PDB file of all heavy atoms in Angstrom:
ATOM      1  N   GLU A   1     184.239  36.126-137.168  1.00  0.00           N
ATOM      2  CA  GLU A   1     183.573  34.833-137.193  1.00  0.00           C
ATOM      3  C   GLU A   1     184.064  33.995-138.370  1.00  0.00           C
ATOM      4  O   GLU A   1     184.292  32.785-138.243  1.00  0.00           O
ATOM      5  CB  GLU A   1     182.045  35.034-137.278  1.00  0.00           C
ATOM      6  CG  GLU A   1     181.429  35.639-136.024  1.00  0.00           C
ATOM      7  CD  GLU A   1     181.577  37.147-135.990  1.00  0.00           C
ATOM      8  OE1 GLU A   1     182.154  37.718-136.957  1.00  0.00           O
ATOM      9  OE2 GLU A   1     181.155  37.762-134.997  1.00  0.00           O
ATOM     10  N   ARG A   2     184.241  34.650-139.517  1.00  0.00           N
ATOM     11  CA  ARG A   2     184.687  33.909-140.695  1.00  0.00           C
ATOM     12  C   ARG A   2     186.116  33.410-140.528  1.00  0.00           C
ATOM     13  O   ARG A   2     186.443  32.279-140.899  1.00  0.00           O
ATOM     14  CB  ARG A   2     184.566  34.798-141.922  1.00  0.00           C
ATOM     15  CG  ARG A   2     184.941  34.081-143.228  1.00  0.00           C
ATOM     16  CD  ARG A   2     184.732  34.977-144.407  1.00  0.00           C
ATOM     17  NE  ARG A   2     185.124  34.327-145.647  1.00  0.00           N
ATOM     18  CZ  ARG A   2     185.104  34.916-146.845  1.00  0.00           C
ATOM     19  NH1 ARG A   2     184.676  36.178-146.937  1.00  0.00           N
ATOM     20  NH2 ARG A   2     185.493  34.265-147.916  1.00  0.00           N
ATOM     21  N   ARG A   3     186.973  34.282-139.970  1.00  0.00           N
ATOM     22  CA  ARG A   3     188.358  33.857-139.732  1.00  0.00           C
ATOM     23  C   ARG A   3     188.404  32.691-138.768  1.00  0.00           C
ATOM     24  O   ARG A   3     189.181  31.746-138.933  1.00  0.00           O
ATOM     25  CB  ARG A   3     189.180  35.035-139.186  1.00  0.00           C
ATOM     26  CG  ARG A   3     189.485  36.099-140.226  1.00  0.00           C
ATOM     27  CD  ARG A   3     190.627  36.981-139.740  1.00  0.00           C
ATOM     28  NE  ARG A   3     190.298  37.615-138.467  1.00  0.00           N
ATOM     29  CZ  ARG A   3     189.735  38.814-138.364  1.00  0.00           C
ATOM     30  NH1 ARG A   3     189.403  39.492-139.466  1.00  0.00           N
ATOM     31  NH2 ARG A   3     189.481  39.336-137.184  1.00  0.00           N
ATOM     32  N   GLY A   4     187.553  32.746-137.722  1.00  0.00           N
ATOM     33  CA  GLY A   4     187.532  31.656-136.765  1.00  0.00           C
ATOM     34  C   GLY A   4     187.039  30.365-137.392  1.00  0.00           C
ATOM     35  O   GLY A   4     187.563  29.285-137.115  1.00  0.00           O
ATOM     36  N   ALA A   5     186.018  30.485-138.269  1.00  0.00           N
ATOM     37  CA  ALA A   5     185.498  29.293-138.931  1.00  0.00           C
ATOM     38  C   ALA A   5     186.534  28.682-139.858  1.00  0.00           C
ATOM     39  O   ALA A   5     186.710  27.465-139.911  1.00  0.00           O
ATOM     40  CB  ALA A   5     184.227  29.654-139.719  1.00  0.00           C
ATOM     41  N   GLU A   6     187.273  29.536-140.600  1.00  0.00           N
ATOM     42  CA  GLU A   6     188.302  29.033-141.497  1.00  0.00           C
ATOM     43  C   GLU A   6     189.444  28.391-140.724  1.00  0.00           C
ATOM     44  O   GLU A   6     190.025  27.389-141.140  1.00  0.00           O
ATOM     45  CB  GLU A   6     188.823  30.173-142.376  1.00  0.00           C
ATOM     46  CG  GLU A   6     187.805  30.656-143.396  1.00  0.00           C
ATOM     47  CD  GLU A   6     188.380  31.724-144.303  1.00  0.00           C
ATOM     48  OE1 GLU A   6     189.530  32.140-144.052  1.00  0.00           O
ATOM     49  OE2 GLU A   6     187.693  32.133-145.261  1.00  0.00           O
ATOM     50  N   SER A   7     189.780  29.004-139.575  1.00  0.00           N
ATOM     51  CA  SER A   7     190.843  28.427-138.759  1.00  0.00           C
ATOM     52  C   SER A   7     190.449  27.050-138.240  1.00  0.00           C
ATOM     53  O   SER A   7     191.244  26.113-138.243  1.00  0.00           O
ATOM     54  CB  SER A   7     191.163  29.356-137.585  1.00  0.00           C
ATOM     55  OG  SER A   7     192.129  28.786-136.746  1.00  0.00           O
ATOM     56  N   ALA A   8     189.183  26.933-137.804  1.00  0.00           N
ATOM     57  CA  ALA A   8     188.712  25.642-137.304  1.00  0.00           C
ATOM     58  C   ALA A   8     188.680  24.608-138.425  1.00  0.00           C
ATOM     59  O   ALA A   8     189.031  23.441-138.234  1.00  0.00           O
ATOM     60  CB  ALA A   8     187.327  25.799-136.682  1.00  0.00           C
ATOM     61  N   ALA A   9     188.268  25.050-139.633  1.00  0.00           N
ATOM     62  CA  ALA A   9     188.225  24.131-140.759  1.00  0.00           C
ATOM     63  C   ALA A   9     189.623  23.677-141.149  1.00  0.00           C
ATOM     64  O   ALA A   9     189.855  22.508-141.467  1.00  0.00           O
ATOM     65  CB  ALA A   9     187.527  24.802-141.949  1.00  0.00           C
ATOM     66  N   GLY A  10     190.561  24.624-141.115  1.00  0.00           N
ATOM     67  CA  GLY A  10     191.942  24.288-141.438  1.00  0.00           C
ATOM     68  C   GLY A  10     192.517  23.307-140.446  1.00  0.00           C
ATOM     69  O   GLY A  10     193.246  22.379-140.807  1.00  0.00           O
ATOM     70  N   ALA A  11     192.215  23.510-139.155  1.00  0.00           N
ATOM     71  CA  ALA A  11     192.712  22.589-138.134  1.00  0.00           C
ATOM     72  C   ALA A  11     192.109  21.202-138.319  1.00  0.00           C
ATOM     73  O   ALA A  11     192.749  20.183-138.054  1.00  0.00           O
ATOM     74  CB  ALA A  11     192.394  23.131-136.744  1.00  0.00           C
ATOM     75  N   ALA A  12     190.844  21.160-138.794  1.00  0.00           N
ATOM     76  CA  ALA A  12     190.180  19.870-138.949  1.00  0.00           C
ATOM     77  C   ALA A  12     190.759  19.068-140.104  1.00  0.00           C
ATOM     78  O   ALA A  12     190.876  17.847-140.021  1.00  0.00           O
ATOM     79  CB  ALA A  12     188.674  20.092-139.154  1.00  0.00           C
ATOM     80  N   ASP A  13     191.110  19.737-141.218  1.00  0.00           N
ATOM     81  CA  ASP A  13     191.617  18.985-142.363  1.00  0.00           C
ATOM     82  C   ASP A  13     193.134  18.855-142.371  1.00  0.00           C
ATOM     83  O   ASP A  13     193.714  18.397-143.360  1.00  0.00           O
ATOM     84  CB  ASP A  13     191.140  19.621-143.664  1.00  0.00           C
ATOM     85  CG  ASP A  13     191.681  21.049-143.844  1.00  0.00           C
ATOM     86  OD1 ASP A  13     192.602  21.445-143.101  1.00  0.00           O
ATOM     87  OD2 ASP A  13     191.171  21.759-144.741  1.00  0.00           O
ATOM     88  N   GLY A  14     193.803  19.280-141.294  1.00  0.00           N
ATOM     89  CA  GLY A  14     195.242  19.082-141.180  1.00  0.00           C
ATOM     90  C   GLY A  14     196.080  20.152-141.827  1.00  0.00           C
ATOM     91  O   GLY A  14     197.313  20.018-141.913  1.00  0.00           O
ATOM     92  N   THR A  15     195.470  21.225-142.338  1.00  0.00           N
ATOM     93  CA  THR A  15     196.227  22.311-142.954  1.00  0.00           C
ATOM     94  C   THR A  15     197.013  23.069-141.893  1.00  0.00           C
ATOM     95  O   THR A  15     196.455  23.423-140.845  1.00  0.00           O
ATOM     96  CB  THR A  15     195.275  23.285-143.674  1.00  0.00           C
ATOM     97  OG1 THR A  15     194.499  22.560-144.620  1.00  0.00           O
ATOM     98  CG2 THR A  15     196.069  24.383-144.373  1.00  0.00           C
ATOM     99  N   PRO A  16     198.311  23.333-142.107  1.00  0.00           N
ATOM    100  CA  PRO A  16     199.098  24.072-141.103  1.00  0.00           C
ATOM    101  C   PRO A  16     198.502  25.447-140.846  1.00  0.00           C
ATOM    102  O   PRO A  16     198.104  26.150-141.780  1.00  0.00           O
ATOM    103  CB  PRO A  16     200.489  24.172-141.755  1.00  0.00           C
ATOM    104  CG  PRO A  16     200.531  23.052-142.749  1.00  0.00           C
ATOM    105  CD  PRO A  16     199.133  22.910-143.246  1.00  0.00           C
ATOM    106  N   GLN A  17     198.431  25.818-139.587  1.00  0.00           N
ATOM    107  CA  GLN A  17     197.885  27.106-139.199  1.00  0.00           C
ATOM    108  C   GLN A  17     199.009  28.019-138.706  1.00  0.00           C
ATOM    109  O   GLN A  17     200.010  27.564-138.166  1.00  0.00           O
ATOM    110  CB  GLN A  17     196.845  26.929-138.080  1.00  0.00           C
ATOM    111  CG  GLN A  17     195.670  26.052-138.480  1.00  0.00           C
ATOM    112  CD  GLN A  17     194.889  26.641-139.638  1.00  0.00           C
ATOM    113  OE1 GLN A  17     194.513  27.806-139.612  1.00  0.00           O
ATOM    114  NE2 GLN A  17     194.653  25.826-140.653  1.00  0.00           N
ATOM    115  N   ARG A  18     198.830  29.314-138.909  1.00  0.00           N
ATOM    116  CA  ARG A  18     199.804  30.290-138.451  1.00  0.00           C
ATOM    117  C   ARG A  18     199.775  30.381-136.931  1.00  0.00           C
ATOM    118  O   ARG A  18     198.714  30.607-136.341  1.00  0.00           O
ATOM    119  CB  ARG A  18     199.519  31.658-139.063  1.00  0.00           C
ATOM    120  CG  ARG A  18     200.523  32.737-138.641  1.00  0.00           C
ATOM    121  CD  ARG A  18     200.169  34.065-139.291  1.00  0.00           C
ATOM    122  NE  ARG A  18     201.080  35.095-138.872  1.00  0.00           N
ATOM    123  CZ  ARG A  18     202.250  35.348-139.462  1.00  0.00           C
ATOM    124  NH1 ARG A  18     202.626  34.597-140.489  1.00  0.00           N
ATOM    125  NH2 ARG A  18     203.029  36.322-139.033  1.00  0.00           N
ATOM    126  N   ALA A  19     200.919  30.205-136.308  1.00  0.00           N
ATOM    127  CA  ALA A  19     200.992  30.255-134.848  1.00  0.00           C
ATOM    128  C   ALA A  19     200.986  31.703-134.377  1.00  0.00           C
ATOM    129  O   ALA A  19     201.547  32.589-135.031  1.00  0.00           O
ATOM    130  CB  ALA A  19     202.264  29.554-134.360  1.00  0.00           C
ATOM    131  N   GLY A  20     200.352  31.933-133.251  1.00  0.00           N
ATOM    132  CA  GLY A  20     200.318  33.265-132.660  1.00  0.00           C
ATOM    133  C   GLY A  20     201.153  33.314-131.396  1.00  0.00           C
ATOM    134  O   GLY A  20     201.745  32.317-130.973  1.00  0.00           O
ATOM    135  N   TYR A  21     201.190  34.485-130.785  1.00  0.00           N
ATOM    136  CA  TYR A  21     201.983  34.642-129.560  1.00  0.00           C
ATOM    137  C   TYR A  21     201.429  33.786-128.422  1.00  0.00           C
ATOM    138  O   TYR A  21     202.172  33.391-127.522  1.00  0.00           O
ATOM    139  CB  TYR A  21     202.015  36.111-129.144  1.00  0.00           C
ATOM    140  CG  TYR A  21     203.030  36.919-129.935  1.00  0.00           C
ATOM    141  CD1 TYR A  21     202.642  37.684-131.020  1.00  0.00           C
ATOM    142  CD2 TYR A  21     204.379  36.886-129.595  1.00  0.00           C
ATOM    143  CE1 TYR A  21     203.557  38.415-131.756  1.00  0.00           C
ATOM    144  CE2 TYR A  21     205.311  37.614-130.319  1.00  0.00           C
ATOM    145  CZ  TYR A  21     204.902  38.375-131.398  1.00  0.00           C
ATOM    146  OH  TYR A  21     205.821  39.082-132.123  1.00  0.00           O
ATOM    147  N   ARG A  22     200.129  33.498-128.483  1.00  0.00           N
ATOM    148  CA  ARG A  22     199.562  32.614-127.470  1.00  0.00           C
ATOM    149  C   ARG A  22     200.205  31.234-127.531  1.00  0.00           C
ATOM    150  O   ARG A  22     200.517  30.637-126.499  1.00  0.00           O
ATOM    151  CB  ARG A  22     198.044  32.516-127.670  1.00  0.00           C
ATOM    152  CG  ARG A  22     197.344  31.535-126.749  1.00  0.00           C
ATOM    153  CD  ARG A  22     195.834  31.655-126.916  1.00  0.00           C
ATOM    154  NE  ARG A  22     195.448  31.395-128.289  1.00  0.00           N
ATOM    155  CZ  ARG A  22     195.177  30.179-128.776  1.00  0.00           C
ATOM    156  NH1 ARG A  22     195.306  29.110-127.974  1.00  0.00           N
ATOM    157  NH2 ARG A  22     194.807  30.017-130.030  1.00  0.00           N
ATOM    158  N   HIS A  23     200.418  30.741-128.740  1.00  0.00           N
ATOM    159  CA  HIS A  23     201.066  29.446-128.904  1.00  0.00           C
ATOM    160  C   HIS A  23     202.531  29.503-128.461  1.00  0.00           C
ATOM    161  O   HIS A  23     203.047  28.555-127.866  1.00  0.00           O
ATOM    162  CB  HIS A  23     200.991  28.996-130.368  1.00  0.00           C
ATOM    163  CG  HIS A  23     199.599  28.880-130.893  1.00  0.00           C
ATOM    164  ND1 HIS A  23     198.924  29.948-131.445  1.00  0.00           N
ATOM    165  CD2 HIS A  23     198.738  27.821-130.935  1.00  0.00           C
ATOM    166  CE1 HIS A  23     197.717  29.554-131.827  1.00  0.00           C
ATOM    167  NE2 HIS A  23     197.572  28.273-131.531  1.00  0.00           N
ATOM    168  N   LEU A  24     203.184  30.619-128.772  1.00  0.00           N
ATOM    169  CA  LEU A  24     204.585  30.769-128.374  1.00  0.00           C
ATOM    170  C   LEU A  24     204.728  30.784-126.856  1.00  0.00           C
ATOM    171  O   LEU A  24     205.600  30.107-126.293  1.00  0.00           O
ATOM    172  CB  LEU A  24     205.164  32.060-128.961  1.00  0.00           C
ATOM    173  CG  LEU A  24     206.599  32.406-128.558  1.00  0.00           C
ATOM    174  CD1 LEU A  24     207.567  31.331-129.024  1.00  0.00           C
ATOM    175  CD2 LEU A  24     206.996  33.772-129.107  1.00  0.00           C
ATOM    176  N   ILE A  25     203.868  31.539-126.183  1.00  0.00           N
ATOM    177  CA  ILE A  25     203.930  31.613-124.721  1.00  0.00           C
ATOM    178  C   ILE A  25     203.692  30.233-124.113  1.00  0.00           C
ATOM    179  O   ILE A  25     204.407  29.809-123.196  1.00  0.00           O
ATOM    180  CB  ILE A  25     202.889  32.629-124.202  1.00  0.00           C
ATOM    181  CG1 ILE A  25     203.267  34.043-124.646  1.00  0.00           C
ATOM    182  CG2 ILE A  25     202.776  32.555-122.683  1.00  0.00           C
ATOM    183  CD1 ILE A  25     202.206  35.084-124.343  1.00  0.00           C
TER     184      ILE A  25
END
């Protein structure tokens, strides 16, 4: 839950996020 919240917060403030295989596919 915390990782998901941080990821959402990072996406909201424009911080680059680490891409996963889902994004690659």
